[in-house]
Amino acid sequence: MGSLSFSRAVQAVLLAVALLLPLAAGPYWIHVGAIAWYYAMLAASWALLAGFAGQFSFAHVAFAALGGYASALGVGLLGLPVGVSMLLAIVLAIVTGALIGALVLRLSGPYLALFTLAISEIFRLILVAEEDLTRGMLGLPVPGLFSGQSDVPYYYLGLGLVVMAMLAMNWLLSTRVGLFLRAIREDEGAARASGIDTTRYKILVFVVTAVIAAIAGIYYGHFIGILTPNIAILPEMGLVIAMAVIGGIESLPGAVIGAVVVFLLSESLRAYGEWRFVLMGLALILVQRFAQNGLYPMIEQWSRARAKPRAAATVEDRHAG
């Protein structure tokens, strides 16, 4: 079995498990799973930006907050239908992502990271300060999308959004844009010398990932029912980065799996209080020491290595027969 077909088989099995999980899990874990899809969208889109395009941004959770708050204010302040409000929030994310991208993506390395960190913190402080508009730390109410008390519809909505985001990002990577992004990651100067408009493609991937983050924020806000500026704090961004790194920063499925596993483990260890963050930090250190490309690519490589001897033995048996 080729590496591509093996990876698709693993993803198909995991998708089947995710689809069937609400049949076996209780309400609490369905709720946790629905939140995990929010982090999965953030981690996978950040992996596209950092792992495939080499752009290390701290503004990702700010775009999630932008999407969530814009959708909530569209309904609560402007009286728009929920669907129209969500569409306007996505358009706002596109425009904002393009403007910020054009402003900061001529920078690179630590300068880009610090600039996007400053943008994210400024946006969070605006959310705190503008109490008349956002209600500050009291929280902004967000209308739900489904009637009833069950979280199952949100769980499947989140899963569907993750699948659509993965399909869109994989399609992008399969085009020549994906080749250009990898070239920019490896050597931006050489890519520019080869005739690639590096700024254009960096802005493009920044906008794409900003939109996915905004959609994640819209989903999260309408699911949880209230938004606070804490959605955009630095530890949240650190959690998203840790999820992507543990799962596999250069693997979109790995980032999704990393997000789900890390969030589920975090909830399982909630009884240990702050020590759960210590344990997550140790896990991140161990992954960086023994599996620098992330756990999912390491497991894939290990499985293929075990499959090769079995395949070779099968061929030898056929010849012997």
Protein backbone atom coordinates (compact mmCIF):
# COMPACT_ATOMS: atom_id res chain seq x y z
CA MET A 1 0.00 0.00 0.00
CA GLY A 2 1.43 3.39 -0.99
CA SER A 3 1.95 6.12 1.54
CA LEU A 4 -0.89 8.21 0.09
CA SER A 5 -3.40 5.35 0.11
CA PHE A 6 -2.33 4.37 3.63
CA SER A 7 -2.86 7.91 4.86
CA ARG A 8 -6.29 8.08 3.23
CA ALA A 9 -7.26 4.72 4.76
CA VAL A 10 -6.29 5.97 8.23
CA GLN A 11 -8.23 9.19 7.71
CA ALA A 12 -11.29 7.27 6.50
CA VAL A 13 -11.23 5.09 9.62
CA LEU A 14 -10.86 8.13 11.90
CA LEU A 15 -13.70 9.90 10.11
CA ALA A 16 -15.93 6.85 10.57
CA VAL A 17 -15.08 6.81 14.29
CA ALA A 18 -15.89 10.52 14.56
CA LEU A 19 -19.23 10.01 12.80
CA LEU A 20 -20.23 7.16 15.11
CA LEU A 21 -18.92 8.65 18.35
CA PRO A 22 -22.17 10.43 19.39
CA LEU A 23 -23.91 7.04 19.36
CA ALA A 24 -21.66 5.81 22.17
CA ALA A 25 -20.58 8.96 24.02
CA GLY A 26 -22.53 10.79 26.69
CA PRO A 27 -23.68 14.44 26.50
CA TYR A 28 -20.54 15.76 28.21
CA TRP A 29 -18.11 14.18 25.75
CA ILE A 30 -20.28 15.19 22.80
CA HIS A 31 -19.99 18.76 24.07
CA VAL A 32 -16.22 18.38 24.43
CA GLY A 33 -15.99 16.88 20.95
CA ALA A 34 -17.93 19.80 19.47
CA ILE A 35 -15.44 22.25 21.00
CA ALA A 36 -12.55 20.09 19.78
CA TRP A 37 -13.66 20.71 16.17
CA TYR A 38 -13.17 24.43 16.79
CA TYR A 39 -9.56 23.83 17.79
CA ALA A 40 -9.10 21.37 14.93
CA MET A 41 -10.00 24.07 12.38
CA LEU A 42 -7.62 26.51 14.02
CA ALA A 43 -4.74 24.04 14.30
CA ALA A 44 -5.07 22.74 10.73
CA SER A 45 -5.31 26.21 9.19
CA TRP A 46 -2.37 27.43 11.28
CA ALA A 47 -0.40 24.38 10.10
CA LEU A 48 -1.12 25.41 6.51
CA LEU A 49 0.18 28.91 7.24
CA ALA A 50 3.24 27.97 9.28
CA GLY A 51 4.05 24.42 8.21
CA PHE A 52 3.52 24.76 4.47
CA ALA A 53 4.07 28.47 3.85
CA GLY A 54 6.59 29.17 6.61
CA GLN A 55 4.64 32.16 8.02
CA PHE A 56 4.68 32.05 11.83
CA SER A 57 1.70 34.18 12.88
CA PHE A 58 0.22 34.82 16.33
CA ALA A 59 -2.91 36.50 14.92
CA HIS A 60 -4.87 33.32 14.31
CA VAL A 61 -7.05 33.44 17.43
CA ALA A 62 -7.69 37.13 16.73
CA PHE A 63 -9.32 36.15 13.43
CA ALA A 64 -11.40 33.56 15.28
CA ALA A 65 -12.53 36.29 17.67
CA LEU A 66 -13.20 38.63 14.75
CA GLY A 67 -15.48 36.08 13.10
CA GLY A 68 -17.35 35.24 16.28
CA TYR A 69 -17.86 38.84 17.42
CA ALA A 70 -18.77 40.11 13.94
CA SER A 71 -21.43 37.42 13.53
CA ALA A 72 -22.84 38.06 17.02
CA LEU A 73 -22.95 41.84 16.54
CA GLY A 74 -24.54 41.46 13.12
CA VAL A 75 -27.46 39.65 14.75
CA GLY A 76 -27.66 41.51 18.06
CA LEU A 77 -26.75 45.05 16.98
CA LEU A 78 -27.86 45.25 13.34
CA GLY A 79 -30.75 42.80 13.55
CA LEU A 80 -29.55 40.76 10.57
CA PRO A 81 -30.57 37.15 9.98
CA VAL A 82 -28.01 34.71 11.34
CA GLY A 83 -26.99 33.45 7.90
CA VAL A 84 -26.44 36.96 6.52
CA SER A 85 -24.52 37.95 9.63
CA MET A 86 -22.19 34.96 9.27
CA LEU A 87 -21.55 35.75 5.61
CA LEU A 88 -20.71 39.37 6.45
CA ALA A 89 -18.32 38.14 9.17
CA ILE A 90 -16.53 35.99 6.60
CA VAL A 91 -16.29 38.93 4.17
CA LEU A 92 -14.89 41.06 7.00
CA ALA A 93 -12.29 38.36 7.70
CA ILE A 94 -11.28 38.33 4.02
CA VAL A 95 -10.84 42.11 3.91
CA THR A 96 -9.05 42.26 7.27
CA GLY A 97 -6.81 39.32 6.40
CA ALA A 98 -5.83 40.94 3.10
CA LEU A 99 -5.08 44.29 4.75
CA ILE A 100 -3.05 42.82 7.59
CA GLY A 101 -1.32 40.43 5.21
CA ALA A 102 -0.29 43.25 2.91
CA LEU A 103 0.97 45.17 5.94
CA VAL A 104 2.97 42.47 7.74
CA LEU A 105 3.91 39.75 5.27
CA ARG A 106 6.84 41.67 3.87
CA LEU A 107 8.36 40.83 7.24
CA SER A 108 9.65 37.38 8.15
CA GLY A 109 10.88 35.30 11.05
CA PRO A 110 10.68 36.87 14.53
CA TYR A 111 9.60 40.25 13.13
CA LEU A 112 6.47 38.69 11.60
CA ALA A 113 5.74 36.79 14.82
CA LEU A 114 6.08 39.92 16.99
CA PHE A 115 4.02 42.08 14.63
CA THR A 116 1.14 39.60 14.51
CA LEU A 117 1.37 39.16 18.29
CA ALA A 118 0.99 42.93 18.68
CA ILE A 119 -2.00 42.98 16.31
CA SER A 120 -3.69 40.16 18.21
CA GLU A 121 -3.13 41.85 21.58
CA ILE A 122 -4.40 45.21 20.30
CA PHE A 123 -7.56 43.56 19.02
CA ARG A 124 -8.10 41.79 22.36
CA LEU A 125 -7.70 45.06 24.25
CA ILE A 126 -10.25 46.70 21.95
CA LEU A 127 -12.70 43.93 22.79
CA VAL A 128 -12.08 44.56 26.51
CA ALA A 129 -12.29 48.35 26.31
CA GLU A 130 -15.34 48.76 24.06
CA GLU A 131 -17.81 47.60 26.70
CA ASP A 132 -20.74 49.45 25.12
CA LEU A 133 -20.30 47.39 21.96
CA THR A 134 -18.77 44.09 23.06
CA ARG A 135 -19.79 44.05 26.78
CA GLY A 136 -16.10 43.55 27.61
CA MET A 137 -15.33 40.78 30.06
CA LEU A 138 -19.04 40.36 30.86
CA GLY A 139 -19.38 38.49 27.58
CA LEU A 140 -21.35 39.08 24.41
CA PRO A 141 -24.44 36.87 24.02
CA VAL A 142 -24.56 34.93 20.74
CA PRO A 143 -27.76 33.31 19.42
CA GLY A 144 -27.75 29.57 18.86
CA LEU A 145 -28.14 27.87 15.51
CA PHE A 146 -30.32 24.94 16.58
CA SER A 147 -33.29 24.59 18.88
CA GLY A 148 -33.25 22.15 21.75
CA GLN A 149 -30.63 21.30 24.34
CA SER A 150 -28.71 18.60 22.47
CA ASP A 151 -25.15 19.33 21.31
CA VAL A 152 -25.27 16.59 18.66
CA PRO A 153 -26.24 18.98 15.80
CA TYR A 154 -23.29 21.25 16.71
CA TYR A 155 -20.98 18.23 16.88
CA TYR A 156 -21.86 17.19 13.34
CA LEU A 157 -21.79 20.79 12.10
CA GLY A 158 -18.27 21.19 13.51
CA LEU A 159 -17.18 17.89 11.99
CA GLY A 160 -18.59 18.94 8.62
CA LEU A 161 -16.75 22.27 8.79
CA VAL A 162 -13.48 20.49 9.57
CA VAL A 163 -13.95 18.13 6.62
CA MET A 164 -14.77 21.00 4.24
CA ALA A 165 -11.80 23.03 5.47
CA MET A 166 -9.51 20.03 4.98
CA LEU A 167 -10.81 19.44 1.46
CA ALA A 168 -10.30 23.11 0.57
CA MET A 169 -6.77 23.25 2.00
CA ASN A 170 -5.73 19.95 0.42
CA TRP A 171 -7.07 21.16 -2.92
CA LEU A 172 -5.04 24.36 -2.56
CA LEU A 173 -1.90 22.40 -1.78
CA SER A 174 -2.44 20.14 -4.80
CA THR A 175 -2.36 23.12 -7.19
CA ARG A 176 0.66 25.10 -8.30
CA VAL A 177 -0.09 27.48 -5.42
CA GLY A 178 0.91 24.68 -3.06
CA LEU A 179 4.23 24.28 -4.88
CA PHE A 180 4.84 28.02 -4.64
CA LEU A 181 4.06 28.02 -0.92
CA ARG A 182 6.53 25.20 -0.28
CA ALA A 183 9.14 27.01 -2.33
CA ILE A 184 8.60 30.17 -0.26
CA ARG A 185 8.93 28.14 2.94
CA GLU A 186 12.20 26.54 1.86
CA ASP A 187 13.89 29.67 0.45
CA GLU A 188 11.88 32.81 -0.15
CA GLY A 189 14.77 34.58 -1.84
CA ALA A 190 15.29 31.74 -4.31
CA ALA A 191 11.54 31.58 -4.96
CA ARG A 192 11.46 35.30 -5.70
CA ALA A 193 14.47 34.97 -8.00
CA SER A 194 12.60 32.20 -9.87
CA GLY A 195 9.82 34.63 -10.74
CA ILE A 196 7.32 33.74 -7.99
CA ASP A 197 5.39 36.71 -6.64
CA THR A 198 6.08 35.73 -3.05
CA THR A 199 4.12 38.59 -1.46
CA ARG A 200 1.02 37.73 -3.48
CA TYR A 201 1.01 34.08 -2.46
CA LYS A 202 1.84 34.85 1.16
CA ILE A 203 -1.14 37.21 1.31
CA LEU A 204 -3.31 34.56 -0.39
CA VAL A 205 -2.52 31.85 2.17
CA PHE A 206 -2.85 34.38 5.00
CA VAL A 207 -6.36 35.28 3.82
CA VAL A 208 -7.36 31.63 3.34
CA THR A 209 -6.26 30.68 6.84
CA ALA A 210 -7.81 33.85 8.31
CA VAL A 211 -11.16 32.91 6.76
CA ILE A 212 -10.99 29.36 8.16
CA ALA A 213 -10.11 30.76 11.59
CA ALA A 214 -13.03 33.20 11.35
CA ILE A 215 -15.43 30.40 10.40
CA ALA A 216 -14.15 28.45 13.41
CA GLY A 217 -14.85 31.48 15.61
CA ILE A 218 -18.35 31.89 14.16
CA TYR A 219 -19.09 28.22 14.87
CA TYR A 220 -17.66 28.45 18.38
CA GLY A 221 -19.60 31.60 19.29
CA HIS A 222 -22.96 30.31 18.10
CA PHE A 223 -22.33 26.97 19.84
CA ILE A 224 -21.14 28.26 23.23
CA GLY A 225 -23.65 31.11 23.26
CA ILE A 226 -21.33 33.78 24.70
CA LEU A 227 -18.02 35.33 23.69
CA THR A 228 -15.40 37.04 25.86
CA PRO A 229 -12.02 38.58 24.94
CA ASN A 230 -10.39 35.50 26.45
CA ILE A 231 -10.92 33.80 23.10
CA ALA A 232 -7.98 35.86 21.80
CA ILE A 233 -5.52 35.61 24.71
CA LEU A 234 -1.94 34.46 24.09
CA PRO A 235 -2.31 31.12 25.94
CA GLU A 236 -5.09 30.20 23.48
CA MET A 237 -2.71 30.84 20.60
CA GLY A 238 -0.04 28.81 22.37
CA LEU A 239 -2.51 25.94 22.75
CA VAL A 240 -3.31 26.00 19.02
CA ILE A 241 0.39 25.97 18.15
CA ALA A 242 1.03 23.09 20.56
CA MET A 243 -1.80 21.10 18.99
CA ALA A 244 -0.41 21.60 15.48
CA VAL A 245 3.16 20.79 16.53
CA ILE A 246 2.23 17.66 18.49
CA GLY A 247 0.05 16.33 15.68
CA GLY A 248 2.35 17.37 12.85
CA ILE A 249 2.94 20.91 11.69
CA GLU A 250 3.57 19.77 8.10
CA SER A 251 0.54 17.47 8.06
CA LEU A 252 -3.00 18.84 7.94
CA PRO A 253 -4.57 15.55 9.17
CA GLY A 254 -1.89 15.44 11.86
CA ALA A 255 -2.81 18.92 13.05
CA VAL A 256 -6.50 17.95 13.26
CA ILE A 257 -5.71 14.76 15.17
CA GLY A 258 -3.29 16.66 17.42
CA ALA A 259 -5.99 19.23 18.24
CA VAL A 260 -8.60 16.61 19.07
CA VAL A 261 -6.24 14.42 21.12
CA VAL A 262 -4.71 17.33 23.05
CA PHE A 263 -8.10 18.87 23.85
CA LEU A 264 -9.61 15.55 24.91
CA LEU A 265 -6.59 14.82 27.12
CA SER A 266 -6.80 18.32 28.58
CA GLU A 267 -10.41 17.71 29.55
CA SER A 268 -9.60 14.24 30.90
CA LEU A 269 -6.88 15.74 33.12
CA ARG A 270 -9.02 18.64 34.33
CA ALA A 271 -9.16 17.10 37.81
CA TYR A 272 -5.40 17.78 38.13
CA GLY A 273 -5.93 21.53 37.81
CA GLU A 274 -2.98 23.53 36.51
CA TRP A 275 -0.81 20.41 36.45
CA ARG A 276 -2.52 19.36 33.23
CA PHE A 277 -0.74 22.23 31.47
CA VAL A 278 2.56 21.00 32.88
CA LEU A 279 1.82 17.55 31.48
CA MET A 280 0.92 19.04 28.10
CA GLY A 281 4.19 21.01 28.13
CA LEU A 282 6.12 17.81 28.83
CA ALA A 283 4.30 16.09 25.98
CA LEU A 284 5.30 18.93 23.65
CA ILE A 285 8.94 18.64 24.75
CA LEU A 286 8.95 14.88 24.20
CA VAL A 287 7.38 15.21 20.76
CA GLN A 288 9.97 17.80 19.74
CA ARG A 289 12.74 15.53 21.03
CA PHE A 290 11.66 12.23 19.50
CA ALA A 291 9.20 13.14 16.70
CA GLN A 292 10.09 16.57 15.38
CA ASN A 293 7.61 16.28 12.50
CA GLY A 294 4.77 15.38 14.88
CA LEU A 295 3.16 12.17 16.08
CA TYR A 296 0.95 11.49 13.04
CA PRO A 297 3.79 11.48 10.46
CA MET A 298 5.89 9.35 12.86
CA ILE A 299 3.08 6.79 13.23
CA GLU A 300 2.57 6.77 9.45
CA GLN A 301 6.28 6.15 8.87
CA TRP A 302 6.41 3.40 11.51
CA SER A 303 3.35 1.65 10.03
CA ARG A 304 4.77 1.76 6.51
CA ALA A 305 8.10 0.39 7.76
CA ARG A 306 6.29 -2.56 9.36
CA ALA A 307 4.17 -3.13 6.27
CA LYS A 308 7.16 -3.41 3.88
CA PRO A 309 8.63 -6.62 5.38
CA ARG A 310 5.18 -8.23 5.37
CA ALA A 311 4.67 -7.25 1.73
CA ALA A 312 8.11 -8.57 0.81
CA ALA A 313 7.43 -11.86 2.63
CA THR A 314 4.14 -12.25 0.76
CA VAL A 315 5.90 -11.79 -2.59
CA GLU A 316 8.56 -14.36 -1.64
CA ASP A 317 5.90 -16.86 -0.63
CA ARG A 318 4.17 -16.45 -3.98
CA HIS A 319 7.40 -17.03 -5.87
CA ALA A 320 8.21 -20.03 -3.70
CA GLY A 321 4.76 -21.43 -4.40
